[in-house]
Protein backbone atom coordinates (compact mmCIF):
# COMPACT_ATOMS: atom_id res chain seq x y z
CA MET A 1 -7.78 -14.72 -2.53
CA GLU A 2 -8.42 -17.53 -4.93
CA GLY A 3 -11.45 -15.87 -6.40
CA THR A 4 -9.27 -13.04 -6.98
CA ILE A 5 -6.70 -15.05 -8.71
CA LEU A 6 -9.61 -16.63 -10.94
CA GLY A 7 -10.82 -13.26 -12.01
CA ILE A 8 -13.76 -12.91 -9.62
CA PRO A 9 -14.32 -9.83 -7.61
CA SER A 10 -13.52 -10.91 -4.03
CA ILE A 11 -13.88 -9.58 -0.69
CA ALA A 12 -12.39 -10.97 2.52
CA LEU A 13 -14.20 -10.25 5.65
CA SER A 14 -12.76 -10.55 9.20
CA GLN A 15 -14.09 -9.66 12.72
CA VAL A 16 -11.21 -8.47 15.12
CA TYR A 17 -11.34 -9.78 18.86
CA ASP A 18 -9.15 -9.79 21.84
CA PHE A 19 -6.95 -12.95 21.26
CA PHE A 20 -6.13 -12.99 25.05
CA ALA A 21 -9.60 -12.88 25.98
CA GLY A 22 -10.41 -15.95 23.78
CA ARG A 23 -12.85 -16.71 20.97
CA GLN A 24 -15.69 -16.68 23.40
CA THR A 25 -15.59 -12.97 23.64
CA ILE A 26 -15.88 -12.30 19.95
CA ILE A 27 -18.47 -9.51 19.17
CA TRP A 28 -20.00 -10.91 16.03
CA ASP A 29 -22.73 -8.18 16.13
CA CYS A 30 -20.35 -5.99 14.68
CA VAL A 31 -19.92 -7.86 11.26
CA GLU A 32 -23.69 -9.03 11.47
CA THR A 33 -24.74 -5.54 11.49
CA HIS A 34 -22.51 -3.66 8.90
CA GLY A 35 -21.16 -6.44 6.86
CA ALA A 36 -23.84 -6.66 4.12
CA THR A 37 -23.79 -2.66 3.69
CA ILE A 38 -20.22 -2.45 3.41
CA VAL A 39 -20.18 -5.47 0.88
CA LYS A 40 -22.91 -3.68 -1.29
CA LYS A 41 -20.96 -0.35 -1.30
CA ILE A 42 -17.99 -2.13 -2.17
CA LEU A 43 -19.73 -4.17 -5.05
CA ALA A 44 -21.37 -0.76 -6.34
CA ALA A 45 -18.03 0.94 -6.67
CA GLY A 46 -16.55 -2.23 -8.34
CA VAL A 47 -13.36 -4.23 -7.57
CA PRO A 48 -10.68 -3.74 -9.85
CA LYS A 49 -9.07 -6.68 -11.70
CA ASN A 50 -6.44 -8.56 -9.53
CA VAL A 51 -7.51 -6.62 -6.35
CA LEU A 52 -8.81 -8.55 -3.23
CA ILE A 53 -10.61 -6.19 -0.81
CA ASN A 54 -9.93 -6.95 2.67
CA VAL A 55 -12.59 -5.81 5.23
CA ASN A 56 -11.72 -5.85 8.99
CA PHE A 57 -14.52 -5.01 11.49
CA PRO A 58 -13.35 -3.58 14.83
CA ASN A 59 -13.78 -5.49 18.13
CA CYS A 60 -16.92 -3.22 19.41
CA GLN A 61 -20.43 -3.24 19.60
CA PRO A 62 -22.24 -2.13 16.23
CA ASP A 63 -23.15 1.42 17.80
CA ALA A 64 -19.70 2.01 18.72
CA VAL A 65 -18.22 1.91 15.22
CA GLU A 66 -16.79 5.33 14.32
CA GLY A 67 -16.94 5.19 10.72
CA VAL A 68 -15.21 3.45 7.64
CA ALA A 69 -11.69 4.07 6.38
CA VAL A 70 -10.20 3.08 3.32
CA THR A 71 -6.62 1.75 4.39
CA MET A 72 -3.30 0.33 3.60
CA GLN A 73 -2.07 -2.88 4.98
CA GLY A 74 -0.43 -2.30 8.34
CA ARG A 75 2.64 -4.28 9.75
CA ARG A 76 2.91 -5.26 13.26
CA SER A 77 6.28 -5.00 15.16
CA ASN A 78 8.53 -7.98 14.60
CA ASP A 79 9.53 -7.49 18.27
CA LEU A 80 6.10 -8.86 19.24
CA MET A 81 6.15 -11.83 17.10
CA LYS A 82 5.62 -15.40 18.50
CA ILE A 83 6.16 -18.40 16.37
CA ASP A 84 4.51 -21.63 17.68
CA THR A 85 5.49 -25.01 16.39
CA ARG A 86 2.19 -27.26 16.39
CA LEU A 87 1.14 -30.52 14.91
CA ASP A 88 -1.70 -30.97 12.43
CA GLY A 89 -4.30 -33.69 12.56
CA ARG A 90 -1.90 -35.97 10.71
CA GLY A 91 0.91 -35.21 12.95
CA ASN A 92 3.06 -33.13 10.50
CA PRO A 93 4.49 -29.83 11.80
CA TYR A 94 3.59 -26.40 11.02
CA HIS A 95 4.33 -23.22 12.53
CA TRP A 96 1.61 -20.56 13.75
CA ILE A 97 2.74 -16.81 13.72
CA SER A 98 1.02 -14.80 16.34
CA PHE A 99 1.80 -11.65 18.24
CA GLN A 100 2.23 -10.95 21.89
CA ARG A 101 1.02 -8.24 23.90
CA GLY A 102 3.22 -5.15 24.06
CA ASN A 103 3.71 -1.64 23.15
CA PHE A 104 2.83 -1.01 19.58
CA THR A 105 1.61 2.14 17.63
CA PRO A 106 -0.06 1.23 14.51
CA GLY A 107 1.09 3.37 11.29
CA ALA A 108 -1.03 6.20 10.09
CA GLY A 109 -3.73 5.21 7.46
CA THR A 110 -3.30 1.50 8.14
CA ASP A 111 -6.01 -1.05 8.88
CA LEU A 112 -4.21 -1.65 12.20
CA LEU A 113 -4.95 1.90 13.21
CA ALA A 114 -8.39 1.95 11.94
CA VAL A 115 -9.65 -0.98 13.71
CA ASP A 116 -7.90 0.38 17.01
CA GLU A 117 -9.82 3.42 16.44
CA ASN A 118 -13.31 1.42 16.21
CA ARG A 119 -13.54 2.14 12.31
CA ILE A 120 -14.15 -0.34 9.79
CA SER A 121 -11.10 -0.92 7.46
CA VAL A 122 -11.38 -1.55 3.94
CA THR A 123 -7.98 -2.46 2.43
CA PRO A 124 -7.55 -3.15 -1.47
CA LEU A 125 -4.72 -5.62 -1.70
CA GLN A 126 -2.92 -5.76 -5.02
CA LEU A 127 -2.12 -9.35 -6.09
CA GLU A 128 0.28 -8.57 -8.91
CA SER A 129 2.33 -5.86 -6.99
CA GLN A 130 5.60 -7.31 -8.66
CA ARG A 131 4.01 -6.56 -12.22
CA PHE A 132 3.31 -2.89 -11.25
CA ALA A 133 6.75 -2.45 -9.90
CA VAL A 134 8.27 -3.80 -13.27
CA GLU A 135 5.89 -1.31 -15.33
CA ARG A 136 7.09 1.42 -12.93
CA ALA A 137 10.69 0.80 -13.67
CA LYS A 138 9.82 0.77 -17.36
CA LEU A 139 8.35 4.11 -17.11
CA ASP A 140 11.20 5.48 -15.10
CA ARG A 141 13.47 4.21 -17.86
CA SER A 142 11.61 5.65 -20.63
CA ALA A 143 11.40 9.14 -18.76
CA ALA A 144 15.24 9.10 -18.21
CA GLU A 145 15.65 8.37 -21.95
CA GLN A 146 13.50 11.20 -22.97
CA LEU A 147 15.50 13.40 -20.56
CA LYS A 148 18.76 12.37 -21.99
CA TYR A 149 17.41 12.99 -25.71
CA VAL A 150 16.20 16.38 -24.66
CA LEU A 151 19.61 17.36 -23.09
CA GLU A 152 21.61 16.00 -25.86
CA THR A 153 19.36 17.34 -28.57
CA PHE A 154 18.36 20.95 -27.22
CA THR A 155 19.91 21.56 -24.12
CA LYS A 156 23.54 20.93 -24.89
CA PRO A 157 23.56 22.67 -28.22
CA LYS A 158 21.82 25.71 -26.99
CA MET A 159 24.32 25.76 -23.79
CA LEU A 160 27.28 25.61 -26.30
CA GLU A 161 25.93 28.09 -28.64
CA ASP A 162 25.57 30.60 -25.55
CA LEU A 163 29.20 29.81 -24.48
CA LYS A 164 30.63 30.14 -27.96
CA SER A 165 28.83 33.68 -27.93
CA LYS A 166 30.10 34.58 -24.86
CA ARG A 167 33.62 33.78 -25.86
CA ASP A 168 33.37 35.58 -29.05
CA SER A 169 31.97 38.63 -27.32
CA SER A 170 35.07 38.51 -24.82
CA GLN A 171 37.43 38.13 -27.69
CA ALA A 172 35.94 41.19 -29.47
CA ARG A 173 36.16 43.38 -26.35
CA VAL A 174 39.76 42.31 -25.75
CA ARG A 175 40.40 43.32 -29.32
CA SER A 176 38.83 46.62 -29.09
CA GLU A 177 40.38 47.47 -25.85
CA THR A 178 43.97 46.69 -27.02
CA ALA A 179 43.50 48.52 -30.40
C-alpha cells in the first residue's frame, strides 16, 4: 500500500491457506507457479494511479487452479469474527482480528468466492474512494442543476403555453355553443 501512496505501481500477493490446519500446510507451490505470470500480465495491462492490485492465490495445488477472476473485495460475516487481545514483543497490547469456522457464503464477484472456487483473484483497490465519492456527488448536483434549468427554461413555458391554448380553445367552444 505504501508504494501506491508514493505513486509506485504496487501489487500485493497473498497465498490463502487453511488457518485451522496451521501454517505448516500452506501450499506455496500455487503462488510459486502462477505468481510471476500474473504479475507480468498485470504490469503489462498497467496499474492505474492510486490503485493497489491485490492478488490472492487459492489454497490448492497449481494444477487445480480454475482460472483467474477480476473481483471486488468481499466481506466476511461479522458473526464469525473473533478478536484476540495479545501482547507484542514490548508487552504492549494489540488486537488481532480473525474469523472462526462457520456457515458463510461469499458474495458473487468477490475475491472470497474466487479463491473458494480455486480461482486466482485479482482485486483492484482504490485508495482514494472518498475523493471519487465527492466527485460523484458534484456530478449528481451538476446534473440536477441542468435538469432544473431545462424544466424552468423549456418545459415549464411549453406546458404553460399548452394549457393556455387548451383554455382558450375551451372558452371559444363555450362561446360558440352559447351563441
